[in-house]
Amino acid sequence: MSESHHLFRRIVHSMAWIFLVYYLMPKTILGYNRAILFLIIVLIILSFESIRVWKKWYIFGLRDYERTKIAAYAWATMAAAIALLLFPMHLAILALVGMGIVDPLCGETRQHVPRLYPIIPLIAYFLLSIIILNLLTGYELTLLLVFAFVGSIAAIISEYPKIVFDDDFLMVIGPLVALRILEYLLI
């Protein structure tokens, strides 16, 4: 992959937060619930992706294997839809921002300083978790630390598998599920 492709992918990854515009939209737009309109946008993206895979279209920034498989942006779109529509806002924000920042950090750390992988991404997700959850919840420090620890571990473990699901999907869904279960158990 050329340097421009690599840089483009990293920039696109870091923009996962763009889905959070959903929370800034009014609850109804032109008489329609924002969730319905968001699902329509998701369906348009996934329909385009279906056609792209079927026709084997190449889009700048895709990896070679993505020519015939679902691309990372489509996986991230599906994960964002699940996060925004089915999970509490504080967890959705953490999962999407976490994937957008920490997934590229995982790749860069593995490539440039492999001896510090997964330490740097774990610390980054941990700190990000504390900041976001502290801003968006009333959790006391002990709970913040537990949630940050569990979220970090879930995110980094979710980044590993390269089987059926892309890590752009798993790095959102893994922490979401782990943290939601933890909320049910502790709160």
N, C-alpha and C. Protein backbone atom coordinates (compact mmCIF):
# COMPACT_ATOMS: atom_id res chain seq x y z
N MET A 1 0.85 -1.17 0.00
CA MET A 1 0.00 0.00 0.00
C MET A 1 0.91 1.24 0.00
N SER A 2 0.60 2.19 -0.87
CA SER A 2 1.41 3.39 -0.98
C SER A 2 1.24 4.26 0.27
N GLU A 3 2.16 5.17 0.45
CA GLU A 3 2.12 6.08 1.60
C GLU A 3 0.85 6.92 1.59
N SER A 4 0.40 7.36 0.40
CA SER A 4 -0.81 8.17 0.32
C SER A 4 -2.05 7.35 0.70
N HIS A 5 -2.09 6.07 0.29
CA HIS A 5 -3.19 5.18 0.69
C HIS A 5 -3.19 5.00 2.21
N HIS A 6 -2.02 4.76 2.74
CA HIS A 6 -1.86 4.53 4.18
C HIS A 6 -2.34 5.75 4.97
N LEU A 7 -1.88 6.92 4.58
CA LEU A 7 -2.26 8.15 5.26
C LEU A 7 -3.77 8.41 5.13
N PHE A 8 -4.31 8.18 3.95
CA PHE A 8 -5.73 8.37 3.71
C PHE A 8 -6.55 7.47 4.64
N ARG A 9 -6.16 6.19 4.74
CA ARG A 9 -6.88 5.25 5.62
C ARG A 9 -6.82 5.70 7.07
N ARG A 10 -5.68 6.18 7.51
CA ARG A 10 -5.53 6.64 8.90
C ARG A 10 -6.43 7.85 9.16
N ILE A 11 -6.48 8.76 8.20
CA ILE A 11 -7.32 9.95 8.36
C ILE A 11 -8.80 9.55 8.41
N VAL A 12 -9.21 8.69 7.51
CA VAL A 12 -10.61 8.24 7.49
C VAL A 12 -10.95 7.53 8.80
N HIS A 13 -10.04 6.70 9.28
CA HIS A 13 -10.26 6.01 10.56
C HIS A 13 -10.48 7.01 11.68
N SER A 14 -9.63 8.00 11.73
CA SER A 14 -9.70 8.97 12.83
C SER A 14 -10.97 9.80 12.79
N MET A 15 -11.71 9.72 11.70
CA MET A 15 -12.95 10.48 11.57
C MET A 15 -14.19 9.68 11.98
N ALA A 16 -14.01 8.57 12.67
CA ALA A 16 -15.15 7.76 13.12
C ALA A 16 -16.10 8.58 13.99
N TRP A 17 -15.59 9.59 14.63
CA TRP A 17 -16.42 10.46 15.47
C TRP A 17 -17.51 11.16 14.67
N ILE A 18 -17.36 11.26 13.35
CA ILE A 18 -18.33 11.98 12.52
C ILE A 18 -19.75 11.42 12.70
N PHE A 19 -19.85 10.14 13.02
CA PHE A 19 -21.16 9.53 13.26
C PHE A 19 -21.86 10.18 14.46
N LEU A 20 -21.08 10.79 15.35
CA LEU A 20 -21.65 11.39 16.56
C LEU A 20 -22.47 12.64 16.25
N VAL A 21 -22.42 13.12 15.03
CA VAL A 21 -23.29 14.22 14.60
C VAL A 21 -24.76 13.82 14.84
N TYR A 22 -25.01 12.54 14.83
CA TYR A 22 -26.35 12.02 15.10
C TYR A 22 -26.94 12.65 16.36
N TYR A 23 -26.13 12.79 17.41
CA TYR A 23 -26.62 13.34 18.67
C TYR A 23 -26.90 14.84 18.60
N LEU A 24 -26.35 15.52 17.62
CA LEU A 24 -26.57 16.95 17.46
C LEU A 24 -27.82 17.26 16.62
N MET A 25 -28.30 16.25 15.93
CA MET A 25 -29.48 16.43 15.08
C MET A 25 -30.73 16.51 15.95
N PRO A 26 -31.72 17.30 15.51
CA PRO A 26 -32.99 17.30 16.25
C PRO A 26 -33.62 15.92 16.22
N LYS A 27 -34.44 15.62 17.22
CA LYS A 27 -35.06 14.28 17.30
C LYS A 27 -35.95 13.98 16.11
N THR A 28 -36.55 15.03 15.54
CA THR A 28 -37.34 14.85 14.32
C THR A 28 -36.87 15.84 13.26
N ILE A 29 -36.80 15.36 12.03
CA ILE A 29 -36.40 16.18 10.89
C ILE A 29 -37.45 15.98 9.81
N LEU A 30 -38.09 17.07 9.42
CA LEU A 30 -39.16 17.02 8.42
C LEU A 30 -40.25 16.02 8.81
N GLY A 31 -40.50 15.91 10.10
CA GLY A 31 -41.53 15.02 10.59
C GLY A 31 -41.09 13.58 10.78
N TYR A 32 -39.84 13.27 10.47
CA TYR A 32 -39.33 11.90 10.61
C TYR A 32 -38.37 11.81 11.79
N ASN A 33 -38.44 10.72 12.49
CA ASN A 33 -37.52 10.47 13.59
C ASN A 33 -36.10 10.38 13.03
N ARG A 34 -35.15 10.99 13.74
CA ARG A 34 -33.76 10.98 13.26
C ARG A 34 -33.21 9.56 13.12
N ALA A 35 -33.70 8.63 13.93
CA ALA A 35 -33.23 7.25 13.83
C ALA A 35 -33.62 6.65 12.48
N ILE A 36 -34.81 6.96 12.01
CA ILE A 36 -35.27 6.45 10.71
C ILE A 36 -34.40 7.05 9.59
N LEU A 37 -34.15 8.35 9.67
CA LEU A 37 -33.33 8.99 8.64
C LEU A 37 -31.90 8.46 8.67
N PHE A 38 -31.38 8.23 9.87
CA PHE A 38 -30.04 7.67 10.00
C PHE A 38 -29.99 6.27 9.39
N LEU A 39 -31.00 5.46 9.66
CA LEU A 39 -31.05 4.11 9.08
C LEU A 39 -31.11 4.16 7.55
N ILE A 40 -31.81 5.14 7.01
CA ILE A 40 -31.87 5.29 5.55
C ILE A 40 -30.47 5.60 5.01
N ILE A 41 -29.74 6.48 5.68
CA ILE A 41 -28.36 6.79 5.26
C ILE A 41 -27.49 5.54 5.34
N VAL A 42 -27.62 4.78 6.43
CA VAL A 42 -26.86 3.54 6.59
C VAL A 42 -27.20 2.56 5.46
N LEU A 43 -28.47 2.43 5.14
CA LEU A 43 -28.89 1.53 4.06
C LEU A 43 -28.34 1.99 2.71
N ILE A 44 -28.28 3.28 2.48
CA ILE A 44 -27.69 3.79 1.23
C ILE A 44 -26.22 3.42 1.16
N ILE A 45 -25.50 3.62 2.26
CA ILE A 45 -24.06 3.28 2.30
C ILE A 45 -23.87 1.78 2.07
N LEU A 46 -24.68 0.96 2.73
CA LEU A 46 -24.53 -0.49 2.60
C LEU A 46 -24.98 -0.98 1.22
N SER A 47 -25.96 -0.31 0.63
CA SER A 47 -26.37 -0.66 -0.74
C SER A 47 -25.25 -0.35 -1.72
N PHE A 48 -24.64 0.82 -1.56
CA PHE A 48 -23.49 1.15 -2.40
C PHE A 48 -22.38 0.11 -2.22
N GLU A 49 -22.13 -0.27 -0.97
CA GLU A 49 -21.09 -1.26 -0.70
C GLU A 49 -21.41 -2.60 -1.36
N SER A 50 -22.65 -2.99 -1.34
CA SER A 50 -23.05 -4.25 -1.99
C SER A 50 -22.77 -4.19 -3.49
N ILE A 51 -23.12 -3.08 -4.10
CA ILE A 51 -22.87 -2.90 -5.54
C ILE A 51 -21.37 -2.87 -5.81
N ARG A 52 -20.62 -2.15 -4.94
CA ARG A 52 -19.17 -2.05 -5.12
C ARG A 52 -18.51 -3.43 -5.07
N VAL A 53 -18.92 -4.26 -4.12
CA VAL A 53 -18.34 -5.60 -4.01
C VAL A 53 -18.76 -6.45 -5.20
N TRP A 54 -20.01 -6.39 -5.57
CA TRP A 54 -20.53 -7.17 -6.71
C TRP A 54 -19.81 -6.81 -7.99
N LYS A 55 -19.62 -5.50 -8.24
CA LYS A 55 -18.97 -5.04 -9.47
C LYS A 55 -17.45 -5.00 -9.36
N LYS A 56 -16.94 -5.27 -8.15
CA LYS A 56 -15.48 -5.25 -7.88
C LYS A 56 -14.86 -3.88 -8.17
N TRP A 57 -15.61 -2.84 -7.85
CA TRP A 57 -15.08 -1.48 -8.02
C TRP A 57 -14.00 -1.23 -6.99
N TYR A 58 -13.02 -0.51 -7.42
CA TYR A 58 -11.95 -0.12 -6.50
C TYR A 58 -12.13 1.34 -6.13
N ILE A 59 -12.00 1.64 -4.86
CA ILE A 59 -12.07 3.00 -4.36
C ILE A 59 -10.73 3.31 -3.71
N PHE A 60 -10.22 4.48 -3.96
CA PHE A 60 -8.94 4.89 -3.38
C PHE A 60 -8.96 4.67 -1.87
N GLY A 61 -7.91 4.05 -1.37
CA GLY A 61 -7.78 3.82 0.06
C GLY A 61 -8.14 2.42 0.50
N LEU A 62 -8.83 1.66 -0.35
CA LEU A 62 -9.18 0.29 0.01
C LEU A 62 -7.95 -0.59 -0.04
N ARG A 63 -7.95 -1.58 0.81
CA ARG A 63 -6.89 -2.59 0.75
C ARG A 63 -7.24 -3.55 -0.37
N ASP A 64 -6.25 -4.26 -0.87
CA ASP A 64 -6.46 -5.18 -1.99
C ASP A 64 -7.56 -6.21 -1.70
N TYR A 65 -7.53 -6.80 -0.50
CA TYR A 65 -8.52 -7.82 -0.18
C TYR A 65 -9.94 -7.25 -0.08
N GLU A 66 -10.08 -5.94 0.07
CA GLU A 66 -11.40 -5.34 0.18
C GLU A 66 -12.10 -5.20 -1.18
N ARG A 67 -11.42 -5.50 -2.24
CA ARG A 67 -12.07 -5.47 -3.56
C ARG A 67 -13.23 -6.45 -3.63
N THR A 68 -13.07 -7.58 -2.99
CA THR A 68 -14.09 -8.62 -3.06
C THR A 68 -14.77 -8.89 -1.73
N LYS A 69 -14.49 -8.06 -0.73
CA LYS A 69 -15.10 -8.24 0.59
C LYS A 69 -15.64 -6.90 1.07
N ILE A 70 -16.44 -6.95 2.10
CA ILE A 70 -16.98 -5.72 2.68
C ILE A 70 -15.81 -4.88 3.19
N ALA A 71 -15.80 -3.61 2.82
CA ALA A 71 -14.72 -2.70 3.19
C ALA A 71 -14.89 -2.20 4.63
N ALA A 72 -13.79 -1.72 5.18
CA ALA A 72 -13.76 -1.24 6.57
C ALA A 72 -14.80 -0.16 6.82
N TYR A 73 -15.00 0.76 5.87
CA TYR A 73 -15.96 1.84 6.10
C TYR A 73 -17.39 1.31 6.27
N ALA A 74 -17.72 0.23 5.56
CA ALA A 74 -19.05 -0.36 5.70
C ALA A 74 -19.20 -1.06 7.05
N TRP A 75 -18.14 -1.75 7.48
CA TRP A 75 -18.16 -2.37 8.80
C TRP A 75 -18.32 -1.30 9.88
N ALA A 76 -17.59 -0.21 9.75
CA ALA A 76 -17.68 0.88 10.73
C ALA A 76 -19.08 1.50 10.73
N THR A 77 -19.68 1.61 9.56
CA THR A 77 -21.04 2.15 9.45
C THR A 77 -22.03 1.25 10.18
N MET A 78 -21.91 -0.06 9.99
CA MET A 78 -22.81 -0.99 10.69
C MET A 78 -22.62 -0.90 12.20
N ALA A 79 -21.37 -0.83 12.63
CA ALA A 79 -21.09 -0.72 14.07
C ALA A 79 -21.64 0.58 14.63
N ALA A 80 -21.50 1.67 13.89
CA ALA A 80 -22.01 2.96 14.34
C ALA A 80 -23.53 2.92 14.48
N ALA A 81 -24.20 2.29 13.54
CA ALA A 81 -25.66 2.19 13.60
C ALA A 81 -26.08 1.42 14.85
N ILE A 82 -25.43 0.33 15.13
CA ILE A 82 -25.74 -0.45 16.33
C ILE A 82 -25.46 0.38 17.59
N ALA A 83 -24.30 1.03 17.61
CA ALA A 83 -23.91 1.82 18.78
C ALA A 83 -24.90 2.95 19.05
N LEU A 84 -25.21 3.73 18.01
CA LEU A 84 -26.05 4.91 18.19
C LEU A 84 -27.51 4.58 18.46
N LEU A 85 -27.99 3.49 17.90
CA LEU A 85 -29.40 3.18 18.01
C LEU A 85 -29.74 2.23 19.16
N LEU A 86 -28.77 1.46 19.63
CA LEU A 86 -29.08 0.45 20.63
C LEU A 86 -28.38 0.61 21.98
N PHE A 87 -27.43 1.51 22.08
CA PHE A 87 -26.66 1.65 23.31
C PHE A 87 -26.77 3.07 23.86
N PRO A 88 -26.53 3.23 25.17
CA PRO A 88 -26.57 4.58 25.75
C PRO A 88 -25.49 5.47 25.13
N MET A 89 -25.79 6.76 25.10
CA MET A 89 -24.92 7.73 24.44
C MET A 89 -23.48 7.68 24.96
N HIS A 90 -23.28 7.61 26.27
CA HIS A 90 -21.92 7.64 26.80
C HIS A 90 -21.08 6.46 26.31
N LEU A 91 -21.71 5.30 26.15
CA LEU A 91 -20.97 4.13 25.65
C LEU A 91 -20.74 4.23 24.14
N ALA A 92 -21.73 4.71 23.42
CA ALA A 92 -21.58 4.87 21.96
C ALA A 92 -20.47 5.86 21.64
N ILE A 93 -20.43 6.97 22.37
CA ILE A 93 -19.38 7.97 22.13
C ILE A 93 -18.02 7.38 22.42
N LEU A 94 -17.88 6.70 23.55
CA LEU A 94 -16.59 6.08 23.89
C LEU A 94 -16.18 5.06 22.83
N ALA A 95 -17.09 4.20 22.42
CA ALA A 95 -16.75 3.14 21.45
C ALA A 95 -16.34 3.72 20.10
N LEU A 96 -17.05 4.72 19.61
CA LEU A 96 -16.74 5.29 18.29
C LEU A 96 -15.47 6.13 18.31
N VAL A 97 -15.32 6.97 19.33
CA VAL A 97 -14.09 7.76 19.43
C VAL A 97 -12.90 6.83 19.70
N GLY A 98 -13.13 5.83 20.56
CA GLY A 98 -12.07 4.87 20.86
C GLY A 98 -11.58 4.13 19.63
N MET A 99 -12.51 3.63 18.81
CA MET A 99 -12.11 2.94 17.59
C MET A 99 -11.39 3.89 16.64
N GLY A 100 -11.92 5.10 16.51
CA GLY A 100 -11.34 6.06 15.58
C GLY A 100 -9.91 6.46 15.92
N ILE A 101 -9.60 6.50 17.20
CA ILE A 101 -8.25 6.90 17.62
C ILE A 101 -7.36 5.69 17.84
N VAL A 102 -7.87 4.69 18.54
CA VAL A 102 -7.00 3.59 18.98
C VAL A 102 -6.73 2.56 17.89
N ASP A 103 -7.67 2.32 16.99
CA ASP A 103 -7.39 1.34 15.92
C ASP A 103 -6.22 1.78 15.05
N PRO A 104 -6.18 3.02 14.56
CA PRO A 104 -4.99 3.45 13.81
C PRO A 104 -3.73 3.45 14.68
N LEU A 105 -3.90 3.78 15.96
CA LEU A 105 -2.75 3.75 16.87
C LEU A 105 -2.20 2.33 17.01
N CYS A 106 -3.08 1.34 17.01
CA CYS A 106 -2.63 -0.06 17.05
C CYS A 106 -1.76 -0.37 15.83
N GLY A 107 -2.24 0.01 14.66
CA GLY A 107 -1.49 -0.25 13.44
C GLY A 107 -0.15 0.45 13.41
N GLU A 108 -0.14 1.71 13.80
CA GLU A 108 1.11 2.48 13.80
C GLU A 108 2.09 1.94 14.84
N THR A 109 1.58 1.55 16.00
CA THR A 109 2.46 1.01 17.04
C THR A 109 3.06 -0.31 16.59
N ARG A 110 2.22 -1.19 16.01
CA ARG A 110 2.74 -2.48 15.51
C ARG A 110 3.80 -2.27 14.44
N GLN A 111 3.61 -1.27 13.60
CA GLN A 111 4.53 -1.05 12.50
C GLN A 111 5.83 -0.37 12.94
N HIS A 112 5.74 0.63 13.80
CA HIS A 112 6.91 1.45 14.12
C HIS A 112 7.60 1.10 15.44
N VAL A 113 6.84 0.66 16.44
CA VAL A 113 7.44 0.27 17.73
C VAL A 113 6.75 -0.99 18.25
N PRO A 114 6.94 -2.11 17.57
CA PRO A 114 6.20 -3.34 17.91
C PRO A 114 6.38 -3.79 19.36
N ARG A 115 7.50 -3.47 19.96
CA ARG A 115 7.71 -3.90 21.35
C ARG A 115 6.76 -3.20 22.31
N LEU A 116 6.16 -2.08 21.89
CA LEU A 116 5.23 -1.34 22.74
C LEU A 116 3.76 -1.63 22.42
N TYR A 117 3.55 -2.61 21.52
CA TYR A 117 2.18 -3.04 21.23
C TYR A 117 1.87 -4.24 22.11
N PRO A 118 0.79 -4.29 22.80
CA PRO A 118 -0.37 -3.40 22.82
C PRO A 118 -0.37 -2.37 23.95
N ILE A 119 0.76 -2.14 24.59
CA ILE A 119 0.82 -1.24 25.75
C ILE A 119 0.32 0.16 25.42
N ILE A 120 0.85 0.77 24.35
CA ILE A 120 0.45 2.14 24.00
C ILE A 120 -1.05 2.23 23.68
N PRO A 121 -1.60 1.35 22.83
CA PRO A 121 -3.05 1.41 22.58
C PRO A 121 -3.89 1.18 23.84
N LEU A 122 -3.45 0.27 24.71
CA LEU A 122 -4.19 0.02 25.95
C LEU A 122 -4.23 1.27 26.82
N ILE A 123 -3.10 1.91 26.98
CA ILE A 123 -3.03 3.14 27.78
C ILE A 123 -3.89 4.23 27.15
N ALA A 124 -3.83 4.36 25.83
CA ALA A 124 -4.61 5.39 25.13
C ALA A 124 -6.10 5.16 25.34
N TYR A 125 -6.56 3.92 25.17
CA TYR A 125 -7.99 3.63 25.35
C TYR A 125 -8.39 3.84 26.80
N PHE A 126 -7.53 3.44 27.71
CA PHE A 126 -7.79 3.61 29.14
C PHE A 126 -7.99 5.09 29.48
N LEU A 127 -7.08 5.94 29.04
CA LEU A 127 -7.18 7.38 29.32
C LEU A 127 -8.39 7.99 28.63
N LEU A 128 -8.63 7.60 27.40
CA LEU A 128 -9.80 8.09 26.67
C LEU A 128 -11.09 7.70 27.39
N SER A 129 -11.14 6.47 27.90
CA SER A 129 -12.31 6.00 28.64
C SER A 129 -12.55 6.84 29.89
N ILE A 130 -11.50 7.10 30.64
CA ILE A 130 -11.65 7.89 31.86
C ILE A 130 -12.17 9.29 31.52
N ILE A 131 -11.60 9.90 30.51
CA ILE A 131 -12.01 11.27 30.14
C ILE A 131 -13.46 11.29 29.68
N ILE A 132 -13.82 10.43 28.73
CA ILE A 132 -15.18 10.45 28.17
C ILE A 132 -16.22 10.06 29.22
N LEU A 133 -15.96 9.00 29.96
CA LEU A 133 -16.94 8.57 30.96
C LEU A 133 -17.05 9.56 32.10
N ASN A 134 -15.96 10.21 32.45
CA ASN A 134 -16.01 11.24 33.49
C ASN A 134 -16.85 12.42 33.04
N LEU A 135 -16.73 12.80 31.78
CA LEU A 135 -17.51 13.93 31.24
C LEU A 135 -18.99 13.59 31.08
N LEU A 136 -19.30 12.34 30.77
CA LEU A 136 -20.67 11.99 30.39
C LEU A 136 -21.46 11.20 31.43
N THR A 137 -20.82 10.78 32.51
CA THR A 137 -21.54 10.02 33.54
C THR A 137 -21.25 10.62 34.91
N GLY A 138 -21.93 10.12 35.88
CA GLY A 138 -21.67 10.53 37.25
C GLY A 138 -20.90 9.47 38.01
N TYR A 139 -20.20 8.62 37.29
CA TYR A 139 -19.49 7.51 37.93
C TYR A 139 -18.38 8.03 38.85
N GLU A 140 -18.26 7.40 40.00
CA GLU A 140 -17.18 7.75 40.91
C GLU A 140 -15.87 7.17 40.35
N LEU A 141 -14.76 7.61 40.92
CA LEU A 141 -13.43 7.26 40.41
C LEU A 141 -13.22 5.75 40.31
N THR A 142 -13.65 5.01 41.32
CA THR A 142 -13.46 3.55 41.29
C THR A 142 -14.16 2.93 40.09
N LEU A 143 -15.40 3.36 39.85
CA LEU A 143 -16.14 2.84 38.69
C LEU A 143 -15.48 3.27 37.39
N LEU A 144 -15.03 4.51 37.32
CA LEU A 144 -14.35 4.98 36.11
C LEU A 144 -13.14 4.10 35.80
N LEU A 145 -12.37 3.78 36.81
CA LEU A 145 -11.18 2.95 36.60
C LEU A 145 -11.55 1.54 36.16
N VAL A 146 -12.59 0.96 36.75
CA VAL A 146 -13.03 -0.39 36.36
C VAL A 146 -13.53 -0.37 34.91
N PHE A 147 -14.37 0.62 34.59
CA PHE A 147 -14.90 0.72 33.23
C PHE A 147 -13.77 0.96 32.22
N ALA A 148 -12.83 1.82 32.56
CA ALA A 148 -11.70 2.10 31.66
C ALA A 148 -10.87 0.85 31.43
N PHE A 149 -10.64 0.09 32.49
CA PHE A 149 -9.85 -1.14 32.38
C PHE A 149 -10.56 -2.15 31.49
N VAL A 150 -11.84 -2.41 31.78
CA VAL A 150 -12.60 -3.41 31.00
C VAL A 150 -12.75 -2.95 29.55
N GLY A 151 -13.07 -1.68 29.33
CA GLY A 151 -13.22 -1.16 27.97
C GLY A 151 -11.93 -1.28 27.17
N SER A 152 -10.82 -0.97 27.81
CA SER A 152 -9.52 -1.04 27.13
C SER A 152 -9.18 -2.46 26.71
N ILE A 153 -9.36 -3.38 27.64
CA ILE A 153 -9.07 -4.79 27.34
C ILE A 153 -9.98 -5.29 26.22
N ALA A 154 -11.28 -4.97 26.32
CA ALA A 154 -12.24 -5.41 25.29
C ALA A 154 -11.88 -4.84 23.92
N ALA A 155 -11.48 -3.57 23.88
CA ALA A 155 -11.14 -2.94 22.60
C ALA A 155 -9.92 -3.59 21.96
N ILE A 156 -8.88 -3.80 22.74
CA ILE A 156 -7.64 -4.36 22.17
C ILE A 156 -7.83 -5.82 21.78
N ILE A 157 -8.56 -6.58 22.58
CA ILE A 157 -8.87 -7.97 22.19
C ILE A 157 -9.69 -7.98 20.90
N SER A 158 -10.62 -7.05 20.77
CA SER A 158 -11.48 -6.97 19.58
C SER A 158 -10.70 -6.59 18.33
N GLU A 159 -9.55 -5.97 18.51
CA GLU A 159 -8.75 -5.55 17.37
C GLU A 159 -8.00 -6.73 16.73
N TYR A 160 -7.82 -7.81 17.47
CA TYR A 160 -7.05 -8.95 16.99
C TYR A 160 -7.69 -9.78 15.90
N PRO A 161 -8.95 -10.23 16.07
CA PRO A 161 -9.48 -11.19 15.09
C PRO A 161 -9.55 -10.63 13.68
N LYS A 162 -9.19 -11.44 12.75
CA LYS A 162 -9.29 -11.06 11.34
C LYS A 162 -10.05 -12.17 10.61
N ILE A 163 -11.16 -12.59 11.18
CA ILE A 163 -11.91 -13.69 10.60
C ILE A 163 -13.07 -13.13 9.78
N VAL A 164 -14.27 -13.29 10.27
CA VAL A 164 -15.47 -12.88 9.53
C VAL A 164 -15.69 -11.37 9.66
N PHE A 165 -15.56 -10.85 10.87
CA PHE A 165 -15.83 -9.44 11.12
C PHE A 165 -14.56 -8.62 11.09
N ASP A 166 -14.66 -7.42 10.54
CA ASP A 166 -13.52 -6.51 10.49
C ASP A 166 -13.31 -5.90 11.87
N ASP A 167 -12.07 -5.54 12.18
CA ASP A 167 -11.80 -4.94 13.48
C ASP A 167 -12.47 -3.57 13.64
N ASP A 168 -12.82 -2.90 12.56
CA ASP A 168 -13.54 -1.64 12.67
C ASP A 168 -14.94 -1.86 13.24
N PHE A 169 -15.49 -3.01 13.02
CA PHE A 169 -16.77 -3.39 13.61
C PHE A 169 -16.56 -3.87 15.05
N LEU A 170 -15.63 -4.78 15.22
CA LEU A 170 -15.41 -5.39 16.53
C LEU A 170 -14.89 -4.41 17.58
N MET A 171 -14.08 -3.44 17.17
CA MET A 171 -13.55 -2.49 18.15
C MET A 171 -14.61 -1.52 18.65
N VAL A 172 -15.75 -1.47 18.00
CA VAL A 172 -16.89 -0.71 18.51
C VAL A 172 -17.79 -1.64 19.33
N ILE A 173 -18.15 -2.77 18.76
CA ILE A 173 -19.12 -3.67 19.38
C ILE A 173 -18.54 -4.36 20.62
N GLY A 174 -17.29 -4.78 20.57
CA GLY A 174 -16.67 -5.46 21.72
C GLY A 174 -16.74 -4.64 23.01
N PRO A 175 -16.20 -3.42 23.00
CA PRO A 175 -16.29 -2.60 24.21
C PRO A 175 -17.73 -2.25 24.59
N LEU A 176 -18.59 -2.00 23.60
CA LEU A 176 -19.98 -1.69 23.90
C LEU A 176 -20.64 -2.81 24.71
N VAL A 177 -20.51 -4.02 24.22
CA VAL A 177 -21.14 -5.16 24.89
C VAL A 177 -20.52 -5.38 26.27
N ALA A 178 -19.20 -5.35 26.35
CA ALA A 178 -18.52 -5.57 27.64
C ALA A 178 -18.93 -4.50 28.66
N LEU A 179 -18.96 -3.25 28.23
CA LEU A 179 -19.28 -2.18 29.17
C LEU A 179 -20.76 -2.15 29.54
N ARG A 180 -21.63 -2.53 28.61
CA ARG A 180 -23.05 -2.57 28.93
C ARG A 180 -23.34 -3.69 29.93
N ILE A 181 -22.71 -4.83 29.75
CA ILE A 181 -22.85 -5.93 30.72
C ILE A 181 -22.34 -5.48 32.08
N LEU A 182 -21.21 -4.80 32.09
CA LEU A 182 -20.63 -4.29 33.33
C LEU A 182 -21.59 -3.30 34.00
N GLU A 183 -22.23 -2.46 33.22
CA GLU A 183 -23.22 -1.53 33.80
C GLU A 183 -24.37 -2.29 34.45
N TYR A 184 -24.86 -3.33 33.80
CA TYR A 184 -25.94 -4.12 34.37
C TYR A 184 -25.51 -4.78 35.70
N LEU A 185 -24.25 -5.20 35.75
CA LEU A 185 -23.75 -5.87 36.95
C LEU A 185 -23.44 -4.91 38.10
N LEU A 186 -22.94 -3.72 37.79
CA LEU A 186 -22.44 -2.82 38.83
C LEU A 186 -23.34 -1.63 39.16
N ILE A 187 -24.23 -1.29 38.26
CA ILE A 187 -25.02 -0.05 38.49
C ILE A 187 -26.49 -0.36 38.63
